[in-house]
Every structure is written in C-alpha cells, then in structure tokens.
C-alpha cells in the first residue's frame, strides 16, 4: 500500500553565481520549497526548476518518485552599470505551509517498515534461490554438453562389449532354462502318472469301502438277528429251567405220596358173624396198592426221565446255539475292527 506523505518541508536555497570577467556579474537568488515524498523500494528523485534544486527520497516496496519544485526569481542576468540592483523576493514563498499531521502516521510507517523488511527478506531469499537454481542449471547444462561431446565417440565402443556379454549371459540362462524345462516336463509326466495311479487306487478303495459298508450293514443285521435269537434262547432256557424245577417238585411230591400210601394201614370193619378170611383179603388189598404204587412210581420215573433227557437235550442244543452265536458275534466284531482299520488306512492314503 502506498501512502502519500503529508509532511511538508520548506527549504530555502540560495544560489549565488559570480561571473568575473568583462566587468559583469550576476547575482541571482532563488527560494524554493518542495513538498513531495513517496514510499517505495528505491529512491525518488526530483529536480527543481529555476535556480534552485531539491531531492526527495522514499522507502517502500516498489518504486516511487518524489516531486519537488524550486521556486525563485530569475533575478537579473546582467549587472547594470549603476551597481548591484536590489533583489526582490516573493514574500509568499516565505510563508510556512499549514499542514495537519496524522497522529497515526508513525504507527503506519512502523508497520509499513516491518512489512517492507519482511517482504524484502522474502524477496532476497527468492532472489538467492533463483541465483542458486540458475547456477545449478548452468552446471547441469555444462555436464550435459560434456556428456554429449564425450558420448558421441566413446559410448558405442564402451557399451558394445557389455551388451555382447549380457546377451551371452542371457543365452546361457536360456539354455539352462530349456534344460530345466525338459526335466520339469518329465517330472510333470511322472507326477501325472502317479496322480492317475493314485486316482485309480482311490476309486478302487472307494469301491472297496462301499462294498465293506454294505457288508458291514449285512453283518450288523446278522448280529442284530443273532442278538434277538440269543434273547429268545435265553428265554427258552429260563422256561426249561422252570419246567425242570416244576417236574422235580412234582416227582418229589409223588415220592412223598407213595411213601405216605405205603405207610397207611387199612382198617376194615367186618361182620364177625360171617366167617371171612381177613388175612387173605388184607394181603390182596396190600398187593393191589403196592402194584398201583409201583406202577405210578414207574410211570413218574419214566416221565421224569424222559422230560429230564428232553430238557437236557434242549439245554445242550441251546448252549450250542448260544456258543455259536457268541463265536459269530466275536467274528463279526473282529471283522468290524478289520474293516475300520482298512477304512482308516484308505483315508490316510487319500489325504
């Protein structure tokens, strides 16, 4: 921001020129006043008109010029014969100018000086950077020129052996890669054959596993049927044991009855008036009862013996069936363990 200074400065300038020669002299005087000033970077110059001269200066960013004028009378260029004439001065020029001074002008000037200093520092730094970059640019231009002058003849001669060496190296690397490619292709075919073989084995194992699972289901059904049959056989054994106990109790009861019958005495009331043979009658009755008792004992013994033999045969048959069922269950459990181990082995081979 440029601010016009309100400061006025009165300057009286007297300039005397005496010319000696030919009897002539000239005295001239001038009174000049200047009001002028500018704020800017640099200096302002003003020239006075007339016989007076003045100079003005300013401070600030940019350029400024002070304006001044000199006011004065022209005087008499030639000294008259009568002597030195009286010099006439305009009194208006001696009157002080009435100027009002702004009270904040000092603060404004201080702020503007600080701003000017800051901007001048930034401008100086910018100028230094520009000069540094210009010098660096000149150095780079010089290097580039030297490289162009040297590279025209020597670069081709220096790079050809290097490129030949690099090309030979790449060729050797290519040959090595081709050999590795052949080896890798053969290994790939071997791996593919191995994968195909494992795939076939895996399919066979899957089929075997399916067959084993089907067989396992069938064996499980057989085991369940064997368990059911075993339960039925156990129930039959219990029923036969109860029947044997019942038969034994019946036989013991019959034996007790026979003993009781043999120990019973028969009392007969006879008419004494008749002449009867009591001894023969008693013997006959006793013989009949003994016959009945022997017959009953024989029948009971035969029935008990037949039942006992039948129960023993049934029990033996059931025990054989139970033993066979246990053997079958053991064999089936062994087969189940073997199938599980085979399934685990197949899983390990697959994974």
Protein backbone atom coordinates (compact mmCIF):
# COMPACT_ATOMS: atom_id res chain seq x y z
CA UNK A 1 0.00 0.00 0.00
CA UNK A 2 1.34 3.32 -0.98
CA UNK A 3 0.62 6.24 1.34
CA UNK A 4 1.15 9.81 0.30
CA UNK A 5 3.19 11.58 2.92
CA UNK A 6 1.58 14.72 4.27
CA UNK A 7 4.88 16.06 5.52
CA UNK A 8 5.95 19.33 4.02
CA UNK A 9 9.40 20.61 4.06
CA UNK A 10 10.36 24.20 3.40
CA UNK A 11 13.75 24.66 2.09
CA UNK A 12 15.33 27.86 1.25
CA UNK A 13 18.03 27.59 -1.33
CA UNK A 14 20.19 30.41 -2.23
CA UNK A 15 22.50 30.01 -5.09
CA UNK A 16 25.00 32.73 -5.92
CA UNK A 17 26.84 32.83 -9.10
CA UNK A 18 29.54 35.46 -9.66
CA UNK A 19 30.98 35.89 -13.01
CA UNK A 20 34.27 37.72 -13.13
CA UNK A 21 35.18 38.94 -16.48
CA UNK A 22 34.17 41.77 -18.66
CA UNK A 23 33.01 43.68 -15.60
CA UNK A 24 29.85 41.79 -15.47
CA UNK A 25 28.38 39.93 -12.58
CA UNK A 26 25.16 38.31 -11.82
CA UNK A 27 23.70 37.55 -8.52
CA UNK A 28 20.62 35.59 -8.51
CA UNK A 29 18.79 34.05 -5.67
CA UNK A 30 16.10 31.58 -5.53
CA UNK A 31 13.88 30.37 -2.80
CA UNK A 32 12.36 27.07 -3.42
CA UNK A 33 10.12 24.89 -1.39
CA UNK A 34 9.21 21.26 -2.02
CA UNK A 35 6.50 19.07 -0.78
CA UNK A 36 6.96 15.57 -2.05
CA UNK A 37 7.66 12.10 -0.89
CA UNK A 38 6.88 8.54 -1.83
CA UNK A 39 7.10 5.15 -0.29
CA UNK A 40 8.72 2.57 -2.45
CA UNK A 41 11.72 0.38 -2.92
CA UNK A 42 14.47 2.52 -4.21
CA UNK A 43 14.79 6.23 -4.21
CA UNK A 44 12.85 9.04 -5.59
CA UNK A 45 14.41 11.90 -7.45
CA UNK A 46 13.11 15.34 -8.07
CA UNK A 47 14.61 18.24 -9.89
CA UNK A 48 13.99 21.86 -9.24
CA UNK A 49 13.07 24.29 -11.82
CA UNK A 50 14.66 27.63 -11.74
CA UNK A 51 17.80 28.38 -9.89
CA UNK A 52 17.05 26.02 -7.04
CA UNK A 53 17.23 22.23 -6.91
CA UNK A 54 15.77 19.74 -4.48
CA UNK A 55 15.92 15.98 -3.94
CA UNK A 56 13.40 13.71 -2.28
CA UNK A 57 13.56 10.09 -1.21
CA UNK A 58 11.09 7.43 -0.17
CA UNK A 59 11.00 3.99 1.40
CA UNK A 60 8.75 1.10 0.49
CA UNK A 61 8.20 -1.84 -1.79
CA UNK A 62 8.16 -0.84 -5.40
CA UNK A 63 9.33 2.36 -6.91
CA UNK A 64 8.38 5.81 -6.01
CA UNK A 65 9.38 9.24 -7.04
CA UNK A 66 9.33 12.42 -5.09
CA UNK A 67 8.19 15.54 -6.75
CA UNK A 68 9.72 18.83 -5.91
CA UNK A 69 9.87 22.15 -7.47
CA UNK A 70 12.06 25.10 -6.95
CA UNK A 71 10.58 28.47 -6.99
CA UNK A 72 12.66 31.59 -7.36
CA UNK A 73 13.05 34.74 -9.15
CA UNK A 74 15.11 34.92 -12.23
CA UNK A 75 16.94 37.97 -10.99
CA UNK A 76 18.97 40.00 -13.25
CA UNK A 77 21.24 38.21 -15.59
CA UNK A 78 23.37 41.25 -16.23
CA UNK A 79 24.70 43.62 -13.65
CA UNK A 80 23.68 47.16 -14.63
CA UNK A 81 26.22 49.91 -14.81
CA UNK A 82 24.94 51.60 -11.73
CA UNK A 83 25.89 48.76 -9.40
CA UNK A 84 24.15 45.81 -7.80
CA UNK A 85 20.44 46.02 -8.04
CA UNK A 86 18.11 45.11 -5.21
CA UNK A 87 16.92 41.60 -5.19
CA UNK A 88 13.21 41.20 -4.98
CA UNK A 89 11.87 38.17 -3.20
CA UNK A 90 8.31 36.96 -3.24
CA UNK A 91 7.15 37.01 0.39
CA UNK A 92 4.51 34.38 -0.24
CA UNK A 93 7.23 31.89 -0.63
CA UNK A 94 8.47 32.58 2.90
CA UNK A 95 5.11 31.87 4.48
CA UNK A 96 5.11 28.48 6.28
CA UNK A 97 2.66 25.99 4.96
CA UNK A 98 -0.11 24.94 7.37
CA UNK A 99 -0.20 21.16 7.16
CA UNK A 100 -2.12 18.86 9.50
CA UNK A 101 -0.11 15.80 10.59
CA UNK A 102 -1.94 12.49 11.05
CA UNK A 103 -1.29 11.15 14.63
CA UNK A 104 -1.24 7.54 13.41
CA UNK A 105 1.31 8.17 10.70
CA UNK A 106 4.18 6.99 12.93
CA UNK A 107 2.46 3.66 13.65
CA UNK A 108 1.57 3.24 9.97
CA UNK A 109 5.14 3.99 9.00
CA UNK A 110 6.45 1.46 11.54
CA UNK A 111 4.08 -1.24 10.28
CA UNK A 112 4.95 -0.46 6.70
CA UNK A 113 8.66 -0.60 7.52
CA UNK A 114 8.21 -4.01 9.15
CA UNK A 115 6.19 -5.24 6.18
CA UNK A 116 8.80 -3.85 3.85
CA UNK A 117 11.58 -5.60 5.81
CA UNK A 118 9.70 -8.90 5.76
CA UNK A 119 8.94 -8.62 2.07
CA UNK A 120 12.48 -7.52 1.34
CA UNK A 121 13.81 -10.58 3.23
CA UNK A 122 11.46 -12.86 1.30
CA UNK A 123 12.39 -11.16 -1.93
CA UNK A 124 16.10 -11.51 -1.12
CA UNK A 125 15.61 -15.20 -0.26
CA UNK A 126 13.72 -15.71 -3.50
CA UNK A 127 16.48 -13.94 -5.41
CA UNK A 128 19.09 -16.20 -3.73
CA UNK A 129 17.11 -19.31 -4.65
CA UNK A 130 16.77 -18.12 -8.23
CA UNK A 131 20.50 -17.45 -8.43
CA UNK A 132 21.27 -20.88 -6.91
CA UNK A 133 18.96 -22.62 -9.38
CA UNK A 134 20.45 -20.64 -12.25
CA UNK A 135 23.95 -21.71 -11.18
CA UNK A 136 22.81 -25.32 -10.83
CA UNK A 137 21.15 -25.16 -14.23
CA UNK A 138 24.36 -23.83 -15.75
CA UNK A 139 26.32 -26.67 -14.11
CA UNK A 140 23.87 -29.26 -15.46
CA UNK A 141 23.98 -27.69 -18.92
CA UNK A 142 27.76 -27.85 -18.82
CA UNK A 143 27.71 -31.51 -17.73
CA UNK A 144 25.16 -32.38 -20.40
CA UNK A 145 27.25 -30.67 -23.07
CA UNK A 146 30.37 -32.56 -21.93
CA UNK A 147 28.50 -35.87 -21.88
CA UNK A 148 27.15 -35.26 -25.36
CA UNK A 149 30.61 -34.39 -26.63
CA UNK A 150 32.19 -37.45 -24.98
CA UNK A 151 29.30 -39.86 -25.65
CA UNK A 152 29.31 -39.38 -29.41
CA UNK A 153 32.51 -41.38 -29.85
CA UNK A 154 33.06 -43.47 -26.72
CA UNK A 155 29.60 -44.65 -25.63
CA UNK A 156 29.14 -47.04 -28.53
CA UNK A 157 32.61 -48.51 -28.09
CA UNK A 158 32.12 -48.93 -24.34
CA UNK A 159 28.60 -50.42 -24.50
CA UNK A 160 29.07 -52.99 -27.30
CA UNK A 161 31.24 -55.43 -25.23
CA UNK A 162 28.92 -55.03 -22.28
CA UNK A 163 25.87 -55.78 -24.42
CA UNK A 164 27.62 -58.76 -26.01
CA UNK A 165 28.50 -60.12 -22.58
CA UNK A 166 24.95 -59.55 -21.35
CA UNK A 167 23.49 -61.26 -24.45
CA UNK A 168 25.79 -64.28 -23.95
CA UNK A 169 24.76 -64.44 -20.33
CA UNK A 170 21.09 -64.36 -21.31
CA UNK A 171 21.70 -67.12 -23.89
CA UNK A 172 23.36 -69.32 -21.29
CA UNK A 173 20.49 -68.64 -18.92
CA UNK A 174 18.01 -69.50 -21.68
CA UNK A 175 19.80 -72.81 -22.36
CA UNK A 176 19.75 -73.59 -18.65
CA UNK A 177 16.05 -72.79 -18.51
CA UNK A 178 15.38 -75.03 -21.53
CA UNK A 179 17.19 -77.92 -19.82
CA UNK A 180 15.25 -77.30 -16.63
CA UNK A 181 12.04 -77.14 -18.69
CA UNK A 182 12.74 -80.58 -20.21
CA UNK A 183 13.49 -82.01 -16.77
CA UNK A 184 10.39 -80.40 -15.29
CA UNK A 185 8.24 -81.73 -18.14
CA UNK A 186 9.48 -85.27 -17.49
CA UNK A 187 8.86 -84.84 -13.77
CA UNK A 188 5.43 -83.46 -14.58
CA UNK A 189 4.58 -86.53 -16.66
CA UNK A 190 5.79 -88.77 -13.83
CA UNK A 191 3.68 -86.82 -11.36
CA UNK A 192 0.67 -87.03 -13.66
CA UNK A 193 1.11 -90.80 -13.98
CA UNK A 194 1.46 -91.04 -10.22
CA UNK A 195 -1.66 -88.93 -9.73
CA UNK A 196 -3.56 -91.12 -12.19
CA UNK A 197 -2.36 -94.23 -10.37
CA UNK A 198 -3.41 -92.81 -7.02
CA UNK A 199 -6.71 -91.79 -8.54
CA UNK A 200 -7.34 -95.36 -9.71
CA UNK A 201 -6.32 -96.70 -6.32
CA UNK A 202 -8.58 -94.18 -4.66
CA UNK A 203 -11.51 -95.25 -6.82
CA UNK A 204 -10.76 -98.92 -6.03
CA UNK A 205 -10.58 -98.13 -2.34
CA UNK A 206 -13.84 -96.21 -2.60
CA UNK A 207 -15.47 -99.22 -4.24
CA UNK A 208 -13.98 -101.50 -1.58
CA UNK A 209 -15.17 -99.14 1.10
CA UNK A 210 -18.68 -99.15 -0.37
CA UNK A 211 -18.66 -102.95 -0.51
CA UNK A 212 -17.29 -103.10 3.04
CA UNK A 213 -20.00 -100.72 4.23
CA UNK A 214 -22.67 -102.86 2.55
CA UNK A 215 -21.13 -105.98 4.08
CA UNK A 216 -20.98 -104.19 7.41
CA UNK A 217 -24.68 -103.36 7.16
CA UNK A 218 -25.45 -107.00 6.33
CA UNK A 219 -23.29 -108.26 9.19
CA UNK A 220 -24.91 -105.76 11.51
CA UNK A 221 -28.29 -107.13 10.55
CA UNK A 222 -26.99 -110.66 11.19
CA UNK A 223 -25.59 -109.54 14.54
CA UNK A 224 -28.90 -107.97 15.47
CA UNK A 225 -30.69 -111.16 14.45
CA UNK A 226 -28.17 -113.21 16.46
CA UNK A 227 -28.75 -110.99 19.49
CA UNK A 228 -32.51 -111.42 19.10
CA UNK A 229 -32.06 -115.18 18.72
CA UNK A 230 -29.81 -115.17 21.76
CA UNK A 231 -32.50 -113.39 23.75
CA UNK A 232 -35.05 -115.95 22.58
CA UNK A 233 -32.70 -118.78 23.53
CA UNK A 234 -32.12 -117.27 26.95
CA UNK A 235 -35.89 -117.04 27.43
CA UNK A 236 -36.26 -120.67 26.37
CA UNK A 237 -33.51 -121.72 28.77
CA UNK A 238 -35.26 -119.93 31.62
CA UNK A 239 -38.58 -121.58 30.70
CA UNK A 240 -36.93 -125.01 30.58
CA UNK A 241 -35.27 -124.40 33.93
CA UNK A 242 -38.65 -123.53 35.42
CA UNK A 243 -40.19 -126.63 33.86
CA UNK A 244 -37.37 -128.79 35.26
CA UNK A 245 -37.90 -127.33 38.69
CA UNK A 246 -41.63 -127.95 38.39
CA UNK A 247 -41.04 -131.55 37.31
CA UNK A 248 -38.58 -132.08 40.15
CA UNK A 249 -41.11 -130.73 42.63
CA UNK A 250 -43.82 -132.95 41.14
CA UNK A 251 -41.57 -136.01 41.38
CA UNK A 252 -40.76 -135.24 44.99
CA UNK A 253 -44.47 -134.80 45.74
CA UNK A 254 -45.25 -138.17 44.09
CA UNK A 255 -42.50 -139.81 46.09
CA UNK A 256 -43.93 -138.38 49.28
CA UNK A 257 -47.41 -139.59 48.31
CA UNK A 258 -46.05 -143.09 47.62
CA UNK A 259 -44.32 -143.14 50.97
CA UNK A 260 -47.50 -141.97 52.65
CA UNK A 261 -49.54 -144.65 50.84
CA UNK A 262 -47.09 -147.39 51.83
CA UNK A 263 -47.23 -146.32 55.45
CA UNK A 264 -51.05 -146.14 55.60
CA UNK A 265 -52.79 -149.00 57.34
CA UNK A 266 -56.18 -150.15 56.09
CA UNK A 267 -58.89 -150.68 58.65
CA UNK A 268 -61.82 -152.79 57.60
CA UNK A 269 -64.93 -153.31 59.58
CA UNK A 270 -66.13 -156.82 59.22
CA UNK A 271 -69.11 -158.54 60.45
CA UNK A 272 -67.92 -161.01 62.96
CA UNK A 273 -70.89 -163.08 62.37
CA UNK A 274 -69.56 -164.09 58.99
CA UNK A 275 -66.74 -166.39 58.61
CA UNK A 276 -64.24 -164.35 56.45
CA UNK A 277 -60.59 -164.83 55.61
CA UNK A 278 -59.21 -161.48 56.68
CA UNK A 279 -55.63 -162.30 56.13
CA UNK A 280 -56.14 -163.12 52.51
CA UNK A 281 -58.22 -160.04 51.93
CA UNK A 282 -55.61 -157.80 53.53
CA UNK A 283 -52.87 -159.40 51.54
CA UNK A 284 -54.84 -158.93 48.32
CA UNK A 285 -55.54 -155.28 49.03
CA UNK A 286 -51.95 -154.71 50.01
CA UNK A 287 -50.79 -156.33 46.81
CA UNK A 288 -53.12 -154.17 44.77
CA UNK A 289 -51.88 -150.97 46.42
CA UNK A 290 -48.28 -151.98 46.03
CA UNK A 291 -48.91 -152.70 42.37
CA UNK A 292 -50.59 -149.34 41.94
CA UNK A 293 -47.74 -147.60 43.77
CA UNK A 294 -45.06 -149.37 41.74
CA UNK A 295 -46.91 -148.60 38.53
CA UNK A 296 -47.27 -144.93 39.50
CA UNK A 297 -43.61 -144.79 40.53
CA UNK A 298 -42.51 -146.36 37.26
CA UNK A 299 -44.68 -144.03 35.22
CA UNK A 300 -43.45 -140.99 37.14
CA UNK A 301 -39.84 -142.08 36.87
CA UNK A 302 -40.17 -142.76 33.16
CA UNK A 303 -41.94 -139.45 32.55
CA UNK A 304 -39.43 -137.57 34.68
CA UNK A 305 -36.55 -139.35 32.95
CA UNK A 306 -37.93 -138.56 29.50
CA UNK A 307 -38.59 -134.97 30.46
CA UNK A 308 -35.18 -134.67 32.03
CA UNK A 309 -33.47 -136.08 28.96
CA UNK A 310 -35.55 -133.85 26.71
CA UNK A 311 -34.68 -130.80 28.78
CA UNK A 312 -31.02 -131.77 28.79
CA UNK A 313 -31.07 -132.17 25.02
CA UNK A 314 -32.84 -128.85 24.62
CA UNK A 315 -30.42 -127.18 27.03
CA UNK A 316 -27.46 -128.69 25.20
CA UNK A 317 -28.83 -127.53 21.89
CA UNK A 318 -29.47 -124.06 23.27
CA UNK A 319 -25.99 -123.93 24.77
CA UNK A 320 -24.53 -124.94 21.42
CA UNK A 321 -26.61 -122.27 19.71
CA UNK A 322 -25.54 -119.74 22.32
CA UNK A 323 -21.89 -120.72 21.89
CA UNK A 324 -22.18 -120.49 18.13
CA UNK A 325 -23.88 -117.10 18.43
CA UNK A 326 -21.09 -115.86 20.70
CA UNK A 327 -18.50 -117.11 18.23
CA UNK A 328 -20.33 -115.42 15.38
CA UNK A 329 -20.56 -112.18 17.38
CA UNK A 330 -16.82 -112.36 18.14
CA UNK A 331 -16.04 -112.98 14.47
CA UNK A 332 -18.28 -110.14 13.41
CA UNK A 333 -16.63 -107.76 15.91
CA UNK A 334 -13.22 -108.82 14.62
CA UNK A 335 -14.37 -108.20 11.06
CA UNK A 336 -15.76 -104.80 12.05
CA UNK A 337 -12.40 -103.83 13.60
CA UNK A 338 -10.57 -105.01 10.49
CA UNK A 339 -12.90 -103.00 8.23
CA UNK A 340 -12.46 -99.90 10.39
CA UNK A 341 -8.68 -100.23 10.25
CA UNK A 342 -8.83 -100.62 6.46
CA UNK A 343 -11.09 -97.56 6.19
CA UNK A 344 -8.66 -95.51 8.31
CA UNK A 345 -5.73 -96.70 6.20
CA UNK A 346 -7.54 -95.72 2.99
CA UNK A 347 -8.35 -92.30 4.43
CA UNK A 348 -4.70 -91.75 5.33
CA UNK A 349 -3.58 -92.75 1.83
CA UNK A 350 -6.15 -90.47 0.21
CA UNK A 351 -5.39 -87.43 2.32
